[in-house]
Every structure is written in C-alpha cells, then in structure tokens.
Amino acid sequence: MTTISAFQYVPPFAQGVVRDLRVRWALEEAGLPYQARLIGPADQQSPDYLALQPFGQVPVMQDGELTMFESGAIVLHIAQRSAVLMPKDEAGRARATTWIFAAVNTVEIPLQQLAMLDLFFADEEWARLRRPGAVEDVRKRLVQLAAWLGQRDYLDGAFSAGDLMMTTVLRMLRHTTIVDDYPTLKAYQLRCEARPAFQKALRDQMAAFEAA
C-alpha cells in the first residue's frame, strides 16, 4: 500500500495546511488507498528519513519501489493516474500541469512569505516594516488569479490537480481575511474545499494532531 509521511503534531496555526494534505487529497480524489507514517522532529533528522527526503520535510510518498518527495511532484504523479485530476486529452493535461506549477511557483511564494512574517516574525520590527509590501505582492497575485477565474468554476473548465494545488495555496492566508476581499476567489476556494475527498483528507490529517 502507498505510504505517505506526515507530522505527528504541529502547532494549531499550521494544522490543516501542512503539505501532506495535498497528497492525501489527491489520493482520495484518485480513489487510491494509503497509510500515513507519522514522524516527529527526531525522525526528520534521522539518517533513515534523510535517505528518503534530503531536507527532512514532509511529505514523502513510498509506493512499491518508488519513493518521491515534494508535494507538487507527488500530486502530479498521482494525477497522471486519475481521470478526476487530469483531463483525458493531451492539451488538457498540459494545462492542468501548468496550473500545478503556477500554484507552487507563482502564487505560493508571495503567500508563504506573508504567512511567515505573520506567524513567525510578527514581533520583529523588520517584519512590521516589510509586511505592507508583502501584502501588496499577495494582492497583486490574487487580483490576477481572480481575473483569470472570472465566471469559471475552476481554472480550466473541470476540476483538476491544478485546482487542488491552488486551493491548498490559498489556505495559507486563512489567518487573514485577505481572500474574503475577492469574492470570486473565496467562492472558488469554498467550492473546492466542499469536495468530499478534501473533507476526508482534512479529517484524517487533523485526527493525527488531535490524537497527539
């Protein structure tokens, strides 16, 4: 059975956004069974785990003889096995792949920078000075994303792995009300998060934290 690594526990501000959620969601959408290997800080620095993930992060996916890390790469791999996550036509698959990369390369970077300022360095003077510029960077990307969505329900017609990745990226702003300022994006996020596969993946991630 497929195994993914996930944290035994993270602080409340990180619960529901750790990147194994993306892989759990993709596996649920694809109807592929999996089990979670829960790890702690000591595991992250162990030689055995670093042999799987050289940076000590989660998630790692092990599927038979295949071992992968990086959530975007894993989701793309899973999506290629799922008609739910990838269109059947070649052009549609290429567009879905484009949106996976857009989510992690173009949108996630400014959103994560703001989250880092707010959640890890809020008491630092330099962070307070940087925050207005970081918010401006975030809003620029959200305006562009909302303009693309327009009246679409999803990024490219039907739900795909690109929407999965983009939704998990937007969740990085949940400690703010910024997404609420863009009704198109807020409705899009809620639409994607209402999917049963997302709800199941989120429950399973949260269950580990609650048990800890």
C-alpha atoms as a PDB file:
ATOM      1  CA  MET A   1       0.000   0.000   0.000  1.00  0.00           C
ATOM      2  CA  THR A   2       1.099   3.568  -0.627  1.00  0.00           C
ATOM      3  CA  THR A   3       2.616   5.260   2.439  1.00  0.00           C
ATOM      4  CA  ILE A   4       2.982   8.989   2.989  1.00  0.00           C
ATOM      5  CA  SER A   5       4.868  10.714   5.762  1.00  0.00           C
ATOM      6  CA  ALA A   6       3.120  13.296   7.909  1.00  0.00           C
ATOM      7  CA  PHE A   7       3.816  15.100  11.155  1.00  0.00           C
ATOM      8  CA  GLN A   8       2.611  13.651  14.441  1.00  0.00           C
ATOM      9  CA  TYR A   9       1.879  17.160  15.640  1.00  0.00           C
ATOM     10  CA  VAL A  10       2.209  20.798  14.590  1.00  0.00           C
ATOM     11  CA  PRO A  11       1.023  23.974  16.368  1.00  0.00           C
ATOM     12  CA  PRO A  12      -2.604  24.996  15.749  1.00  0.00           C
ATOM     13  CA  PHE A  13      -1.665  27.705  13.238  1.00  0.00           C
ATOM     14  CA  ALA A  14      -0.161  25.049  10.938  1.00  0.00           C
ATOM     15  CA  GLN A  15      -2.836  22.405  11.332  1.00  0.00           C
ATOM     16  CA  GLY A  16      -4.775  21.913   8.128  1.00  0.00           C
ATOM     17  CA  VAL A  17      -2.095  23.446   5.916  1.00  0.00           C
ATOM     18  CA  VAL A  18       0.834  21.019   6.205  1.00  0.00           C
ATOM     19  CA  ARG A  19       1.662  19.872   2.705  1.00  0.00           C
ATOM     20  CA  ASP A  20       0.842  16.204   3.200  1.00  0.00           C
ATOM     21  CA  LEU A  21      -2.755  17.453   2.955  1.00  0.00           C
ATOM     22  CA  ARG A  22      -2.223  17.942  -0.788  1.00  0.00           C
ATOM     23  CA  VAL A  23      -1.124  14.365  -1.251  1.00  0.00           C
ATOM     24  CA  ARG A  24      -3.885  12.973   0.961  1.00  0.00           C
ATOM     25  CA  TRP A  25      -6.439  14.931  -1.081  1.00  0.00           C
ATOM     26  CA  ALA A  26      -5.021  13.735  -4.393  1.00  0.00           C
ATOM     27  CA  LEU A  27      -5.061  10.118  -3.248  1.00  0.00           C
ATOM     28  CA  GLU A  28      -8.658  10.482  -2.060  1.00  0.00           C
ATOM     29  CA  GLU A  29      -9.737  12.024  -5.385  1.00  0.00           C
ATOM     30  CA  ALA A  30      -7.974   9.226  -7.261  1.00  0.00           C
ATOM     31  CA  GLY A  31      -9.541   6.539  -5.064  1.00  0.00           C
ATOM     32  CA  LEU A  32      -6.129   5.158  -4.094  1.00  0.00           C
ATOM     33  CA  PRO A  33      -5.726   3.697  -0.591  1.00  0.00           C
ATOM     34  CA  TYR A  34      -2.823   4.836   1.543  1.00  0.00           C
ATOM     35  CA  GLN A  35      -1.495   4.837   5.063  1.00  0.00           C
ATOM     36  CA  ALA A  36       0.270   7.623   6.940  1.00  0.00           C
ATOM     37  CA  ARG A  37       3.658   7.288   8.605  1.00  0.00           C
ATOM     38  CA  LEU A  38       3.661   9.845  11.401  1.00  0.00           C
ATOM     39  CA  ILE A  39       7.031  11.372  12.240  1.00  0.00           C
ATOM     40  CA  GLY A  40       8.420  13.780  14.807  1.00  0.00           C
ATOM     41  CA  PRO A  41      11.416  16.152  14.946  1.00  0.00           C
ATOM     42  CA  ALA A  42      13.870  13.357  15.757  1.00  0.00           C
ATOM     43  CA  ASP A  43      12.693  11.356  12.753  1.00  0.00           C
ATOM     44  CA  GLN A  44      13.217  14.339  10.474  1.00  0.00           C
ATOM     45  CA  GLN A  45      16.927  14.370  11.254  1.00  0.00           C
ATOM     46  CA  SER A  46      17.441  10.619  11.268  1.00  0.00           C
ATOM     47  CA  PRO A  47      19.678   9.054   8.604  1.00  0.00           C
ATOM     48  CA  ASP A  48      16.859   6.736   7.555  1.00  0.00           C
ATOM     49  CA  TYR A  49      14.453   9.590   6.849  1.00  0.00           C
ATOM     50  CA  LEU A  50      17.065  11.834   5.245  1.00  0.00           C
ATOM     51  CA  ALA A  51      17.780   8.983   2.845  1.00  0.00           C
ATOM     52  CA  LEU A  52      14.171   9.406   1.671  1.00  0.00           C
ATOM     53  CA  GLN A  53      13.844  13.202   1.941  1.00  0.00           C
ATOM     54  CA  PRO A  54      17.187  15.028   1.961  1.00  0.00           C
ATOM     55  CA  PHE A  55      15.677  18.145   3.580  1.00  0.00           C
ATOM     56  CA  GLY A  56      13.814  16.319   6.357  1.00  0.00           C
ATOM     57  CA  GLN A  57      10.423  17.629   5.258  1.00  0.00           C
ATOM     58  CA  VAL A  58       7.014  16.040   4.665  1.00  0.00           C
ATOM     59  CA  PRO A  59       5.518  14.521   2.696  1.00  0.00           C
ATOM     60  CA  VAL A  60       7.426  11.554   1.379  1.00  0.00           C
ATOM     61  CA  MET A  61       5.436   9.061  -0.684  1.00  0.00           C
ATOM     62  CA  GLN A  62       6.522   5.435  -0.926  1.00  0.00           C
ATOM     63  CA  ASP A  63       4.686   3.299  -3.457  1.00  0.00           C
ATOM     64  CA  GLY A  64       6.300  -0.071  -4.003  1.00  0.00           C
ATOM     65  CA  GLU A  65       9.842   0.617  -5.170  1.00  0.00           C
ATOM     66  CA  LEU A  66       9.076   4.266  -5.918  1.00  0.00           C
ATOM     67  CA  THR A  67       9.971   6.945  -3.377  1.00  0.00           C
ATOM     68  CA  MET A  68       9.109  10.595  -4.049  1.00  0.00           C
ATOM     69  CA  PHE A  69       9.206  13.888  -2.192  1.00  0.00           C
ATOM     70  CA  GLU A  70       7.941  17.427  -2.938  1.00  0.00           C
ATOM     71  CA  SER A  71       4.162  17.741  -2.782  1.00  0.00           C
ATOM     72  CA  GLY A  72       3.808  19.192  -6.284  1.00  0.00           C
ATOM     73  CA  ALA A  73       5.727  16.340  -7.867  1.00  0.00           C
ATOM     74  CA  ILE A  74       3.771  13.758  -5.900  1.00  0.00           C
ATOM     75  CA  VAL A  75       0.398  15.286  -6.788  1.00  0.00           C
ATOM     76  CA  LEU A  76       1.374  15.377 -10.456  1.00  0.00           C
ATOM     77  CA  HIS A  77       2.369  11.710 -10.304  1.00  0.00           C
ATOM     78  CA  ILE A  78      -0.923  10.742  -8.684  1.00  0.00           C
ATOM     79  CA  ALA A  79      -2.907  12.921 -11.083  1.00  0.00           C
ATOM     80  CA  GLN A  80      -1.464  11.120 -14.066  1.00  0.00           C
ATOM     81  CA  ARG A  81      -3.234   8.004 -12.796  1.00  0.00           C
ATOM     82  CA  SER A  82      -6.596   9.684 -12.240  1.00  0.00           C
ATOM     83  CA  ALA A  83      -9.293  10.838 -14.664  1.00  0.00           C
ATOM     84  CA  VAL A  84     -10.639  13.075 -11.886  1.00  0.00           C
ATOM     85  CA  LEU A  85      -7.382  15.004 -11.542  1.00  0.00           C
ATOM     86  CA  MET A  86      -6.201  15.018 -15.147  1.00  0.00           C
ATOM     87  CA  PRO A  87      -8.194  15.528 -18.360  1.00  0.00           C
ATOM     88  CA  LYS A  88      -8.022  12.757 -20.925  1.00  0.00           C
ATOM     89  CA  ASP A  89      -6.861  14.946 -23.806  1.00  0.00           C
ATOM     90  CA  GLU A  90      -3.202  15.890 -24.148  1.00  0.00           C
ATOM     91  CA  ALA A  91      -3.812  19.638 -24.249  1.00  0.00           C
ATOM     92  CA  GLY A  92      -5.998  19.486 -21.152  1.00  0.00           C
ATOM     93  CA  ARG A  93      -3.353  17.506 -19.281  1.00  0.00           C
ATOM     94  CA  ALA A  94      -0.746  20.071 -20.244  1.00  0.00           C
ATOM     95  CA  ARG A  95      -2.917  22.915 -18.963  1.00  0.00           C
ATOM     96  CA  ALA A  96      -3.604  21.130 -15.684  1.00  0.00           C
ATOM     97  CA  THR A  97       0.127  20.603 -15.242  1.00  0.00           C
ATOM     98  CA  THR A  98       0.696  24.296 -15.956  1.00  0.00           C
ATOM     99  CA  TRP A  99      -1.665  25.238 -13.139  1.00  0.00           C
ATOM    100  CA  ILE A 100       0.095  22.908 -10.699  1.00  0.00           C
ATOM    101  CA  PHE A 101       3.332  24.759 -11.372  1.00  0.00           C
ATOM    102  CA  ALA A 102       1.628  28.163 -11.327  1.00  0.00           C
ATOM    103  CA  ALA A 103       0.225  27.397  -7.887  1.00  0.00           C
ATOM    104  CA  VAL A 104       3.564  26.436  -6.325  1.00  0.00           C
ATOM    105  CA  ASN A 105       5.876  28.774  -8.262  1.00  0.00           C
ATOM    106  CA  THR A 106       3.875  31.954  -8.922  1.00  0.00           C
ATOM    107  CA  VAL A 107       1.165  32.148  -6.250  1.00  0.00           C
ATOM    108  CA  GLU A 108       2.528  30.209  -3.291  1.00  0.00           C
ATOM    109  CA  ILE A 109       5.775  32.163  -2.923  1.00  0.00           C
ATOM    110  CA  PRO A 110       4.291  35.588  -2.014  1.00  0.00           C
ATOM    111  CA  LEU A 111       1.544  33.991   0.089  1.00  0.00           C
ATOM    112  CA  GLN A 112       4.034  31.942   2.047  1.00  0.00           C
ATOM    113  CA  GLN A 113       6.245  34.977   2.601  1.00  0.00           C
ATOM    114  CA  LEU A 114       3.331  36.844   4.170  1.00  0.00           C
ATOM    115  CA  ALA A 115       2.408  33.843   6.307  1.00  0.00           C
ATOM    116  CA  MET A 116       5.998  33.594   7.540  1.00  0.00           C
ATOM    117  CA  LEU A 117       6.027  37.271   8.504  1.00  0.00           C
ATOM    118  CA  ASP A 118       2.732  36.993  10.369  1.00  0.00           C
ATOM    119  CA  LEU A 119       3.189  33.642  12.048  1.00  0.00           C
ATOM    120  CA  PHE A 120       6.898  33.522  12.855  1.00  0.00           C
ATOM    121  CA  PHE A 121       8.209  37.090  12.955  1.00  0.00           C
ATOM    122  CA  ALA A 122       5.241  39.251  13.926  1.00  0.00           C
ATOM    123  CA  ASP A 123       7.108  40.773  16.871  1.00  0.00           C
ATOM    124  CA  GLU A 124      10.132  41.767  14.802  1.00  0.00           C
ATOM    125  CA  GLU A 125      10.412  45.384  13.664  1.00  0.00           C
ATOM    126  CA  TRP A 126      11.808  44.403  10.273  1.00  0.00           C
ATOM    127  CA  ALA A 127       8.786  42.164   9.704  1.00  0.00           C
ATOM    128  CA  ARG A 128       6.382  45.007  10.508  1.00  0.00           C
ATOM    129  CA  LEU A 129       8.203  47.193   8.018  1.00  0.00           C
ATOM    130  CA  ARG A 130       8.161  44.505   5.334  1.00  0.00           C
ATOM    131  CA  ARG A 131       4.535  43.473   5.784  1.00  0.00           C
ATOM    132  CA  PRO A 132       2.836  46.230   3.712  1.00  0.00           C
ATOM    133  CA  GLY A 133       4.988  45.313   0.716  1.00  0.00           C
ATOM    134  CA  ALA A 134       4.302  41.619   1.267  1.00  0.00           C
ATOM    135  CA  VAL A 135       0.551  42.268   1.355  1.00  0.00           C
ATOM    136  CA  GLU A 136       0.853  44.251  -1.865  1.00  0.00           C
ATOM    137  CA  ASP A 137       2.659  41.326  -3.514  1.00  0.00           C
ATOM    138  CA  VAL A 138      -0.081  38.944  -2.374  1.00  0.00           C
ATOM    139  CA  ARG A 139      -2.888  41.182  -3.585  1.00  0.00           C
ATOM    140  CA  LYS A 140      -1.253  41.549  -6.982  1.00  0.00           C
ATOM    141  CA  ARG A 141      -1.327  37.796  -7.481  1.00  0.00           C
ATOM    142  CA  LEU A 142      -4.867  37.444  -6.151  1.00  0.00           C
ATOM    143  CA  VAL A 143      -6.174  40.156  -8.462  1.00  0.00           C
ATOM    144  CA  GLN A 144      -4.583  38.356 -11.402  1.00  0.00           C
ATOM    145  CA  LEU A 145      -5.932  34.961 -10.313  1.00  0.00           C
ATOM    146  CA  ALA A 146      -9.446  36.337  -9.780  1.00  0.00           C
ATOM    147  CA  ALA A 147      -9.359  37.977 -13.213  1.00  0.00           C
ATOM    148  CA  TRP A 148      -8.440  34.651 -14.793  1.00  0.00           C
ATOM    149  CA  LEU A 149     -11.194  32.789 -12.992  1.00  0.00           C
ATOM    150  CA  GLY A 150     -13.847  35.296 -13.949  1.00  0.00           C
ATOM    151  CA  GLN A 151     -17.088  33.306 -14.193  1.00  0.00           C
ATOM    152  CA  ARG A 152     -15.317  29.936 -14.297  1.00  0.00           C
ATOM    153  CA  ASP A 153     -15.964  27.414 -11.556  1.00  0.00           C
ATOM    154  CA  TYR A 154     -12.441  26.041 -11.941  1.00  0.00           C
ATOM    155  CA  LEU A 155      -9.160  27.136 -13.506  1.00  0.00           C
ATOM    156  CA  ASP A 156      -9.620  25.237 -16.749  1.00  0.00           C
ATOM    157  CA  GLY A 157     -13.224  24.113 -17.025  1.00  0.00           C
ATOM    158  CA  ALA A 158     -13.448  21.000 -14.857  1.00  0.00           C
ATOM    159  CA  PHE A 159     -11.777  20.411 -11.501  1.00  0.00           C
ATOM    160  CA  SER A 160      -8.206  19.160 -11.851  1.00  0.00           C
ATOM    161  CA  ALA A 161      -4.960  18.735  -9.920  1.00  0.00           C
ATOM    162  CA  GLY A 162      -4.262  22.393 -10.688  1.00  0.00           C
ATOM    163  CA  ASP A 163      -7.293  23.418  -8.640  1.00  0.00           C
ATOM    164  CA  LEU A 164      -6.246  21.073  -5.848  1.00  0.00           C
ATOM    165  CA  MET A 165      -2.852  22.713  -5.593  1.00  0.00           C
ATOM    166  CA  MET A 166      -4.190  26.256  -5.933  1.00  0.00           C
ATOM    167  CA  THR A 167      -6.757  25.712  -3.182  1.00  0.00           C
ATOM    168  CA  THR A 168      -4.142  24.456  -0.733  1.00  0.00           C
ATOM    169  CA  VAL A 169      -2.028  27.503  -1.556  1.00  0.00           C
ATOM    170  CA  LEU A 170      -4.929  29.890  -0.869  1.00  0.00           C
ATOM    171  CA  ARG A 171      -5.390  28.208   2.522  1.00  0.00           C
ATOM    172  CA  MET A 172      -2.062  29.752   3.572  1.00  0.00           C
ATOM    173  CA  LEU A 173      -3.948  33.018   4.038  1.00  0.00           C
ATOM    174  CA  ARG A 174      -6.544  31.614   6.405  1.00  0.00           C
ATOM    175  CA  HIS A 175      -5.035  33.560   9.323  1.00  0.00           C
ATOM    176  CA  THR A 176      -6.086  36.724   7.452  1.00  0.00           C
ATOM    177  CA  THR A 177      -9.261  37.965   5.743  1.00  0.00           C
ATOM    178  CA  ILE A 178      -7.483  38.818   2.514  1.00  0.00           C
ATOM    179  CA  VAL A 179      -9.171  36.159   0.369  1.00  0.00           C
ATOM    180  CA  ASP A 180     -12.556  37.451   1.565  1.00  0.00           C
ATOM    181  CA  ASP A 181     -11.809  40.651  -0.329  1.00  0.00           C
ATOM    182  CA  TYR A 182     -12.005  38.704  -3.592  1.00  0.00           C
ATOM    183  CA  PRO A 183     -15.461  37.058  -3.737  1.00  0.00           C
ATOM    184  CA  THR A 184     -14.558  35.122  -6.876  1.00  0.00           C
ATOM    185  CA  LEU A 185     -11.589  33.504  -5.129  1.00  0.00           C
ATOM    186  CA  LYS A 186     -13.453  32.946  -1.874  1.00  0.00           C
ATOM    187  CA  ALA A 187     -16.260  31.133  -3.696  1.00  0.00           C
ATOM    188  CA  TYR A 188     -13.704  29.141  -5.668  1.00  0.00           C
ATOM    189  CA  GLN A 189     -11.848  28.067  -2.535  1.00  0.00           C
ATOM    190  CA  LEU A 190     -15.041  27.056  -0.760  1.00  0.00           C
ATOM    191  CA  ARG A 191     -16.212  25.156  -3.850  1.00  0.00           C
ATOM    192  CA  CYS A 192     -13.026  23.117  -3.942  1.00  0.00           C
ATOM    193  CA  GLU A 193     -12.936  22.561  -0.187  1.00  0.00           C
ATOM    194  CA  ALA A 194     -16.514  21.256  -0.267  1.00  0.00           C
ATOM    195  CA  ARG A 195     -15.383  18.228  -2.265  1.00  0.00           C
ATOM    196  CA  PRO A 196     -15.773  15.013  -0.226  1.00  0.00           C
ATOM    197  CA  ALA A 197     -12.187  13.991  -0.987  1.00  0.00           C
ATOM    198  CA  PHE A 198     -10.855  17.215   0.536  1.00  0.00           C
ATOM    199  CA  GLN A 199     -13.048  16.857   3.598  1.00  0.00           C
ATOM    200  CA  LYS A 200     -11.832  13.286   4.145  1.00  0.00           C
ATOM    201  CA  ALA A 201      -8.177  14.267   3.691  1.00  0.00           C
ATOM    202  CA  LEU A 202      -8.531  17.159   6.134  1.00  0.00           C
ATOM    203  CA  ARG A 203     -10.266  14.997   8.747  1.00  0.00           C
ATOM    204  CA  ASP A 204      -7.520  12.413   8.539  1.00  0.00           C
ATOM    205  CA  GLN A 205      -4.740  14.967   8.893  1.00  0.00           C
ATOM    206  CA  MET A 206      -6.463  16.638  11.834  1.00  0.00           C
ATOM    207  CA  ALA A 207      -7.164  13.303  13.518  1.00  0.00           C
ATOM    208  CA  ALA A 208      -3.432  12.711  13.980  1.00  0.00           C
ATOM    209  CA  PHE A 209      -2.973  16.096  15.633  1.00  0.00           C
ATOM    210  CA  GLU A 210      -5.967  15.571  17.879  1.00  0.00           C
ATOM    211  CA  ALA A 211      -4.630  12.167  18.952  1.00  0.00           C
ATOM    212  CA  ALA A 212      -1.281  13.744  19.802  1.00  0.00           C
END
